[in-house]
Amino acid sequence: MTLRLLTAAVLLAVVPTDPPWRVADPDYHWQFPRDHWSHEGFKTEWWYVTGRLHSISDPSRSFGYQFTFFRVGVRADTARTVRSAWVTPNVIMGHLAITDLADGTHVFSDLLYRATPFLGGYGSAGDSVIAWSVGPPGTDARWTLKWNGNGFDVRASDARRGIALDLHTQATTPILLQGRNGYSRKGSGASAASMYYSMPRLETTGSLSINGEDVAVRGSSWMDKEFGSNQLDSTQTGWDWFSLRLSDGRDVMLYQLRHRNGSRDTAFGSIRYADGTVEHLAGAAWTVTADETWTSPDTDATYPTRWTLTLGGRESLELRAIVPQSENIATRVRNLFYWEGAIDVTFDGVLVGEGYVELTGYGSASRPAI
């Protein structure tokens, strides 16, 4: 679900503005492909791509990856009141993680820049570039997210950490609006919502680098896009987000936001069946119970890493993290850490799907202030 996490007020204190930030609208009029690009006036926005990839030369080798661009608004009215290419209405943040699912290596990289002509920015509808940034220190290559007409092209690297992605994706199923008309309610506050859509099945080809090795890969990716101006209520501490691609053709998205007392606060989900039918799930329609945990030696945060998921009180699936040590610790934002990792889905011990999980707000000082 993304940002999911982490962004805005963690990055900077935003000065109150007139006019105010726009908020998610249940009557929003979607326009594709226009809505793949950025939405000025909303405080936060992100493009979140996760996937499972396999080596073309050795299909037994598999990898997980995450690539994210965040747009964080600085002032709602800056772009309109200051006529200059050098005005900074936004901050761009990027996260990249690659996991070797066989040997357990998990490498994370991040960047954070003002959106200016030399550092990074956002394209306009019709451009191929949706968002771009210079690389992390020590990396000459840019990070880019592009629209290719039926999917996204992703390029990102970190020379110091020895990881890189160069991927081409193509959608094999239609866009999925999360919530009725893509309006995703996150809490009781008037602005505690986002506009949210997913592209759950993106056929993926390209290459990656990790541990000093370049690997040609293919597989499947999931892209989440959200924009809004406030998602967490003051009593909420974080969320658990699940994206599942099941072998029977179902695409399942689930999220639950946790109250600071540890209980479930708000929950929602969706299932798109193989025939294209979409079912929206209230929190009462599903439960997820943590069965195992992993504690980070770096942050002391304890994350769940195996779950029992019950859908509709009938179907019980087991979700298992393939690499428990999949914590991302930011270097550009203080006290920003979260868990993002690949999972297998089994039913009665038989593999029936794959997915990704994101866990935020675990551990001290880790609430994603968005």
Protein backbone atom coordinates (compact mmCIF):
# COMPACT_ATOMS: atom_id res chain seq x y z
CA MET A 1 0.00 0.00 0.00
CA THR A 2 2.53 2.05 0.09
CA LEU A 3 4.10 4.91 1.50
CA ARG A 4 3.14 3.44 2.90
CA LEU A 5 5.41 4.63 4.85
CA LEU A 6 7.51 6.93 5.53
CA THR A 7 7.69 10.03 4.03
CA ALA A 8 6.44 13.36 4.42
CA ALA A 9 6.52 14.82 7.85
CA VAL A 10 9.39 12.48 8.63
CA LEU A 11 11.33 14.44 6.05
CA LEU A 12 10.42 17.99 6.92
CA ALA A 13 8.04 20.22 8.80
CA VAL A 14 5.49 21.56 6.37
CA VAL A 15 4.44 25.20 6.80
CA PRO A 16 0.65 25.68 6.84
CA THR A 17 -0.51 27.01 3.51
CA ASP A 18 -3.40 28.78 1.89
CA PRO A 19 -4.80 27.10 -0.15
CA PRO A 20 -4.51 23.83 1.82
CA TRP A 21 -3.40 20.48 0.53
CA ARG A 22 -5.92 18.60 -1.57
CA VAL A 23 -7.41 15.49 0.01
CA ALA A 24 -8.60 12.22 -1.49
CA ASP A 25 -12.03 12.45 -3.10
CA PRO A 26 -14.44 9.47 -3.35
CA ASP A 27 -15.79 11.05 -6.57
CA TYR A 28 -12.36 11.49 -8.15
CA HIS A 29 -12.44 11.18 -11.96
CA TRP A 30 -9.68 8.78 -13.01
CA GLN A 31 -7.93 9.30 -16.34
CA PHE A 32 -5.43 6.74 -17.59
CA PRO A 33 -2.67 6.87 -18.57
CA ARG A 34 -2.66 10.45 -17.15
CA ASP A 35 -2.95 9.28 -13.55
CA HIS A 36 0.31 7.33 -13.75
CA TRP A 37 2.06 10.72 -13.50
CA SER A 38 2.30 13.02 -10.49
CA HIS A 39 -0.52 14.97 -8.84
CA GLU A 40 0.57 18.37 -7.59
CA GLY A 41 -1.46 19.79 -4.73
CA PHE A 42 -1.52 16.49 -2.85
CA LYS A 43 1.06 16.29 -0.10
CA THR A 44 2.30 12.74 -0.64
CA GLU A 45 2.48 10.37 -3.59
CA TRP A 46 4.37 7.21 -4.37
CA TRP A 47 5.02 4.62 -7.05
CA TYR A 48 5.80 1.27 -5.44
CA VAL A 49 7.04 -1.67 -7.49
CA THR A 50 7.80 -5.06 -5.95
CA GLY A 51 8.47 -8.34 -7.69
CA ARG A 52 9.74 -11.88 -7.82
CA LEU A 53 12.37 -12.65 -10.45
CA HIS A 54 14.20 -15.77 -11.61
CA SER A 55 17.51 -16.18 -13.38
CA ILE A 56 16.97 -16.96 -17.07
CA SER A 57 20.05 -19.18 -17.22
CA ASP A 58 19.30 -20.92 -13.91
CA PRO A 59 15.56 -20.87 -13.06
CA SER A 60 16.25 -22.34 -9.62
CA ARG A 61 17.80 -19.00 -8.59
CA SER A 62 15.25 -16.42 -7.49
CA PHE A 63 15.25 -12.85 -6.25
CA GLY A 64 12.92 -10.33 -4.71
CA TYR A 65 13.06 -6.59 -5.35
CA GLN A 66 11.48 -3.32 -4.30
CA PHE A 67 11.73 0.01 -6.11
CA THR A 68 9.96 3.12 -4.85
CA PHE A 69 9.79 6.80 -5.71
CA PHE A 70 8.08 9.15 -3.26
CA ARG A 71 6.95 12.68 -4.01
CA VAL A 72 6.72 14.74 -0.83
CA GLY A 73 5.13 18.18 -1.14
CA VAL A 74 6.84 21.07 0.63
CA ARG A 75 4.14 23.73 0.17
CA ALA A 76 0.79 23.36 -1.54
CA ASP A 77 0.99 26.73 -3.29
CA THR A 78 4.71 27.10 -4.08
CA ALA A 79 4.54 26.14 -7.75
CA ARG A 80 1.75 28.64 -8.37
CA THR A 81 3.20 31.60 -6.45
CA VAL A 82 6.85 31.36 -7.51
CA ARG A 83 7.61 31.33 -11.24
CA SER A 84 11.01 29.68 -11.44
CA ALA A 85 12.43 26.37 -12.63
CA TRP A 86 14.44 26.32 -9.39
CA VAL A 87 11.56 26.55 -6.96
CA THR A 88 11.34 23.44 -4.80
CA PRO A 89 7.68 22.43 -4.41
CA ASN A 90 8.62 18.78 -3.80
CA VAL A 91 11.22 16.48 -2.36
CA ILE A 92 11.97 13.22 -4.16
CA MET A 93 12.90 10.13 -2.16
CA GLY A 94 13.88 6.78 -3.63
CA HIS A 95 14.22 3.33 -2.09
CA LEU A 96 15.77 0.26 -3.73
CA ALA A 97 16.17 -3.22 -2.26
CA ILE A 98 17.27 -6.48 -3.85
CA THR A 99 17.18 -9.83 -2.06
CA ASP A 100 18.88 -13.05 -3.12
CA LEU A 101 16.26 -15.51 -1.93
CA ALA A 102 18.67 -18.43 -1.99
CA ASP A 103 21.52 -17.15 0.16
CA GLY A 104 19.53 -14.58 2.15
CA THR A 105 21.45 -11.49 1.05
CA HIS A 106 19.30 -8.34 1.38
CA VAL A 107 20.76 -5.03 0.20
CA PHE A 108 18.99 -1.68 0.56
CA SER A 109 19.76 1.76 -0.90
CA ASP A 110 18.04 5.11 -0.55
CA LEU A 111 18.28 8.67 -1.82
CA LEU A 112 16.69 12.01 -0.97
CA TYR A 113 16.91 15.22 -3.02
CA ARG A 114 15.09 18.46 -3.65
CA ALA A 115 13.18 18.27 -6.92
CA THR A 116 15.20 20.68 -9.06
CA PRO A 117 16.50 20.46 -12.66
CA PHE A 118 19.88 19.02 -11.64
CA LEU A 119 18.75 16.62 -8.93
CA GLY A 120 15.40 15.06 -9.78
CA GLY A 121 11.81 15.65 -10.65
CA TYR A 122 8.58 14.49 -12.23
CA GLY A 123 7.51 14.32 -15.83
CA SER A 124 4.25 15.51 -17.35
CA ALA A 125 1.57 13.28 -18.81
CA GLY A 126 2.70 12.27 -22.27
CA ASP A 127 6.38 12.22 -21.35
CA SER A 128 7.96 8.82 -21.08
CA VAL A 129 9.56 9.76 -17.76
CA ILE A 130 7.26 9.67 -14.74
CA ALA A 131 9.97 10.41 -12.15
CA TRP A 132 13.76 10.60 -12.06
CA SER A 133 16.62 11.37 -9.72
CA VAL A 134 20.38 11.43 -9.71
CA GLY A 135 21.77 8.35 -8.02
CA PRO A 136 23.05 8.00 -4.45
CA PRO A 137 26.49 9.47 -3.69
CA GLY A 138 29.13 7.57 -5.66
CA THR A 139 26.70 6.49 -8.39
CA ASP A 140 26.79 8.25 -11.77
CA ALA A 141 23.65 6.67 -13.24
CA ARG A 142 20.19 8.15 -12.71
CA TRP A 143 17.24 6.40 -11.16
CA THR A 144 14.26 6.50 -13.52
CA LEU A 145 10.67 5.32 -13.68
CA LYS A 146 9.18 5.43 -17.18
CA TRP A 147 5.86 4.57 -18.79
CA ASN A 148 6.31 2.41 -21.90
CA GLY A 149 2.69 2.33 -23.03
CA ASN A 150 1.67 -0.86 -21.25
CA GLY A 151 3.84 -0.97 -18.17
CA PHE A 152 6.79 0.58 -16.39
CA ASP A 153 10.52 0.59 -17.04
CA VAL A 154 12.67 0.78 -13.92
CA ARG A 155 16.36 1.65 -13.70
CA ALA A 156 18.23 2.14 -10.44
CA SER A 157 21.65 1.37 -9.05
CA ASP A 158 23.97 2.00 -6.14
CA ALA A 159 27.62 1.55 -7.07
CA ARG A 160 28.84 1.53 -3.47
CA ARG A 161 26.37 -1.11 -2.36
CA GLY A 162 26.81 -3.16 -5.52
CA ILE A 163 23.17 -3.44 -6.58
CA ALA A 164 21.31 -2.47 -9.74
CA LEU A 165 18.00 -3.00 -11.55
CA ASP A 166 17.16 -2.55 -15.22
CA LEU A 167 13.67 -3.91 -15.78
CA HIS A 168 10.95 -3.74 -18.44
CA THR A 169 7.38 -4.60 -17.42
CA GLN A 170 4.17 -5.22 -19.37
CA ALA A 171 0.71 -5.43 -17.83
CA THR A 172 -1.15 -8.68 -18.42
CA THR A 173 -4.29 -7.68 -16.47
CA PRO A 174 -6.20 -4.38 -16.19
CA ILE A 175 -5.68 -1.66 -13.60
CA LEU A 176 -7.29 -2.50 -10.26
CA LEU A 177 -8.83 0.37 -8.27
CA GLN A 178 -8.41 -0.29 -4.55
CA GLY A 179 -11.62 0.62 -2.79
CA ARG A 180 -14.75 1.86 -4.49
CA ASN A 181 -13.60 4.19 -7.27
CA GLY A 182 -10.07 3.86 -5.91
CA TYR A 183 -10.90 5.72 -2.69
CA SER A 184 -8.98 4.03 0.11
CA ARG A 185 -10.16 4.94 3.61
CA LYS A 186 -7.42 4.71 6.27
CA GLY A 187 -9.09 6.15 9.36
CA SER A 188 -11.88 8.28 10.78
CA GLY A 189 -10.40 11.70 9.97
CA ALA A 190 -11.79 13.66 7.03
CA SER A 191 -8.47 13.47 5.17
CA ALA A 192 -7.42 9.99 6.34
CA ALA A 193 -7.64 8.44 2.89
CA SER A 194 -5.80 8.13 -0.39
CA MET A 195 -6.52 7.55 -4.05
CA TYR A 196 -5.13 4.09 -4.71
CA TYR A 197 -4.77 1.72 -7.65
CA SER A 198 -2.66 -1.32 -8.40
CA MET A 199 -1.27 -3.16 -11.40
CA PRO A 200 -0.83 -6.62 -9.85
CA ARG A 201 0.49 -8.65 -12.76
CA LEU A 202 3.32 -7.07 -14.69
CA GLU A 203 5.30 -9.50 -16.80
CA THR A 204 8.92 -8.54 -16.13
CA THR A 205 12.22 -9.01 -17.96
CA GLY A 206 15.64 -7.42 -17.64
CA SER A 207 18.68 -7.69 -15.42
CA LEU A 208 19.81 -7.14 -11.86
CA SER A 209 23.11 -7.00 -10.01
CA ILE A 210 23.89 -8.21 -6.51
CA ASN A 211 26.99 -9.62 -4.82
CA GLY A 212 29.09 -8.49 -7.79
CA GLU A 213 27.11 -10.61 -10.25
CA ASP A 214 24.95 -9.49 -13.18
CA VAL A 215 21.94 -11.74 -13.76
CA ALA A 216 19.46 -11.75 -16.64
CA VAL A 217 16.02 -12.26 -15.11
CA ARG A 218 12.32 -12.68 -15.80
CA GLY A 219 9.33 -12.85 -13.51
CA SER A 220 6.34 -10.90 -12.28
CA SER A 221 5.89 -7.54 -10.56
CA TRP A 222 3.18 -5.61 -8.72
CA MET A 223 2.88 -1.79 -8.90
CA ASP A 224 0.99 0.26 -6.32
CA LYS A 225 0.22 3.96 -6.80
CA GLU A 226 -1.25 6.19 -4.09
CA PHE A 227 -1.65 9.91 -3.59
CA GLY A 228 -3.28 11.91 -0.82
CA SER A 229 -2.43 14.34 1.95
CA ASN A 230 -2.89 12.48 5.21
CA GLN A 231 -3.36 8.81 5.93
CA LEU A 232 -2.57 7.94 9.53
CA ASP A 233 -4.81 9.09 12.36
CA SER A 234 -3.00 10.34 15.46
CA THR A 235 -3.82 7.10 17.30
CA GLN A 236 -2.40 4.83 14.59
CA THR A 237 1.18 3.63 14.73
CA GLY A 238 1.76 1.81 11.43
CA TRP A 239 0.44 -0.83 9.08
CA ASP A 240 0.79 -4.34 7.66
CA TRP A 241 0.31 -4.56 3.88
CA PHE A 242 0.08 -7.75 1.82
CA SER A 243 0.07 -8.26 -1.96
CA LEU A 244 -0.54 -11.82 -3.17
CA ARG A 245 -0.58 -13.34 -6.64
CA LEU A 246 -2.22 -16.74 -6.37
CA SER A 247 -1.80 -19.57 -8.85
CA ASP A 248 -5.56 -19.76 -9.47
CA GLY A 249 -5.43 -16.24 -10.95
CA ARG A 250 -6.58 -14.27 -7.91
CA ASP A 251 -4.88 -11.00 -6.98
CA VAL A 252 -5.24 -10.22 -3.28
CA MET A 253 -4.39 -6.95 -1.54
CA LEU A 254 -4.85 -6.54 2.21
CA TYR A 255 -3.85 -3.87 4.69
CA GLN A 256 -4.48 -3.30 8.35
CA LEU A 257 -3.53 -0.19 10.31
CA ARG A 258 -2.62 -0.76 13.93
CA HIS A 259 -3.73 1.30 16.91
CA ARG A 260 -0.95 2.39 19.22
CA ASN A 261 -2.29 -0.07 21.82
CA GLY A 262 -1.46 -2.90 19.39
CA SER A 263 -4.99 -3.69 18.22
CA ARG A 264 -6.26 -3.56 14.65
CA ASP A 265 -7.69 -0.12 13.92
CA THR A 266 -8.72 0.00 10.26
CA ALA A 267 -8.56 -2.81 7.71
CA PHE A 268 -9.50 -3.29 4.09
CA GLY A 269 -8.77 -5.63 1.22
CA SER A 270 -9.66 -6.69 -2.28
CA ILE A 271 -9.71 -9.84 -4.36
CA ARG A 272 -9.73 -9.80 -8.13
CA TYR A 273 -10.66 -13.21 -9.48
CA ALA A 274 -9.35 -14.75 -12.68
CA ASP A 275 -12.56 -13.79 -14.51
CA GLY A 276 -12.01 -10.11 -13.64
CA THR A 277 -14.64 -9.90 -10.90
CA VAL A 278 -13.54 -7.68 -7.99
CA GLU A 279 -14.60 -8.22 -4.38
CA HIS A 280 -13.94 -5.48 -1.82
CA LEU A 281 -13.23 -6.86 1.65
CA ALA A 282 -14.15 -5.13 4.87
CA GLY A 283 -11.89 -5.87 7.80
CA ALA A 284 -14.41 -8.36 9.21
CA ALA A 285 -14.03 -10.50 6.07
CA TRP A 286 -10.45 -11.52 6.79
CA THR A 287 -8.01 -12.06 9.61
CA VAL A 288 -4.25 -12.42 9.68
CA THR A 289 -2.45 -13.86 12.69
CA ALA A 290 1.31 -13.69 13.25
CA ASP A 291 2.84 -17.08 14.03
CA GLU A 292 6.58 -16.31 14.00
CA THR A 293 8.73 -13.20 14.43
CA TRP A 294 12.23 -11.92 13.72
CA THR A 295 14.06 -9.29 15.75
CA SER A 296 16.43 -6.93 13.98
CA PRO A 297 19.92 -6.79 15.51
CA ASP A 298 20.25 -3.23 14.17
CA THR A 299 17.03 -1.55 15.37
CA ASP A 300 15.69 -4.07 17.95
CA ALA A 301 12.35 -3.97 16.12
CA THR A 302 10.48 -7.27 16.17
CA TYR A 303 8.56 -8.05 12.97
CA PRO A 304 6.14 -10.89 12.20
CA THR A 305 7.52 -13.17 9.48
CA ARG A 306 4.95 -15.96 9.24
CA TRP A 307 1.19 -15.53 9.26
CA THR A 308 -2.05 -17.47 9.00
CA LEU A 309 -4.48 -15.67 6.67
CA THR A 310 -8.17 -16.57 6.83
CA LEU A 311 -10.43 -15.30 4.06
CA GLY A 312 -14.18 -15.28 4.61
CA GLY A 313 -13.88 -17.58 7.61
CA ARG A 314 -13.26 -20.50 5.24
CA GLU A 315 -9.94 -20.51 3.41
CA SER A 316 -6.79 -20.61 5.54
CA LEU A 317 -3.49 -19.76 3.87
CA GLU A 318 0.01 -19.72 5.32
CA LEU A 319 2.23 -16.76 4.42
CA ARG A 320 5.95 -17.18 5.07
CA ALA A 321 8.80 -14.71 4.69
CA ILE A 322 11.52 -16.27 2.56
CA VAL A 323 14.29 -14.07 4.04
CA PRO A 324 13.33 -12.87 7.55
CA GLN A 325 16.16 -10.33 7.63
CA SER A 326 14.50 -8.04 5.06
CA GLU A 327 14.56 -4.81 7.07
CA ASN A 328 15.26 -1.54 5.27
CA ILE A 329 17.10 1.12 7.29
CA ALA A 330 17.23 4.56 5.68
CA THR A 331 20.44 6.55 5.64
CA ARG A 332 18.86 9.85 4.54
CA VAL A 333 16.03 10.09 7.10
CA ARG A 334 16.61 9.59 10.78
CA ASN A 335 14.69 6.79 12.52
CA LEU A 336 13.17 5.56 9.29
CA PHE A 337 13.16 1.76 9.15
CA TYR A 338 10.62 -0.82 8.07
CA TRP A 339 10.35 -4.39 6.80
CA GLU A 340 9.70 -5.21 3.16
CA GLY A 341 10.09 -8.76 1.96
CA ALA A 342 9.09 -11.57 -0.38
CA ILE A 343 6.74 -14.28 0.85
CA ASP A 344 5.52 -17.69 -0.28
CA VAL A 345 1.84 -18.61 0.04
CA THR A 346 0.91 -22.22 0.84
CA PHE A 347 -2.31 -24.16 1.43
CA ASP A 348 -2.08 -27.49 3.24
CA GLY A 349 1.67 -27.43 2.61
CA VAL A 350 1.34 -26.87 -1.16
CA LEU A 351 2.74 -23.71 -2.76
CA VAL A 352 -0.21 -21.75 -4.19
CA GLY A 353 1.18 -18.26 -4.68
CA GLU A 354 3.75 -15.59 -4.02
CA GLY A 355 3.75 -12.03 -2.79
CA TYR A 356 5.27 -9.16 -0.84
CA VAL A 357 4.65 -7.79 2.65
CA GLU A 358 5.39 -4.37 4.12
CA LEU A 359 5.48 -3.73 7.86
CA THR A 360 5.81 -0.21 9.30
CA GLY A 361 5.66 1.24 12.78
CA TYR A 362 7.41 -1.63 14.54
CA GLY A 363 10.06 -0.76 17.09
CA SER A 364 10.64 2.50 18.94
CA ALA A 365 10.60 5.87 17.10
CA SER A 366 9.50 4.23 13.87
CA ARG A 367 5.98 5.58 13.30
CA PRO A 368 5.66 6.54 9.60
CA ALA A 369 4.61 10.20 9.89
CA ILE A 370 2.66 10.80 6.71
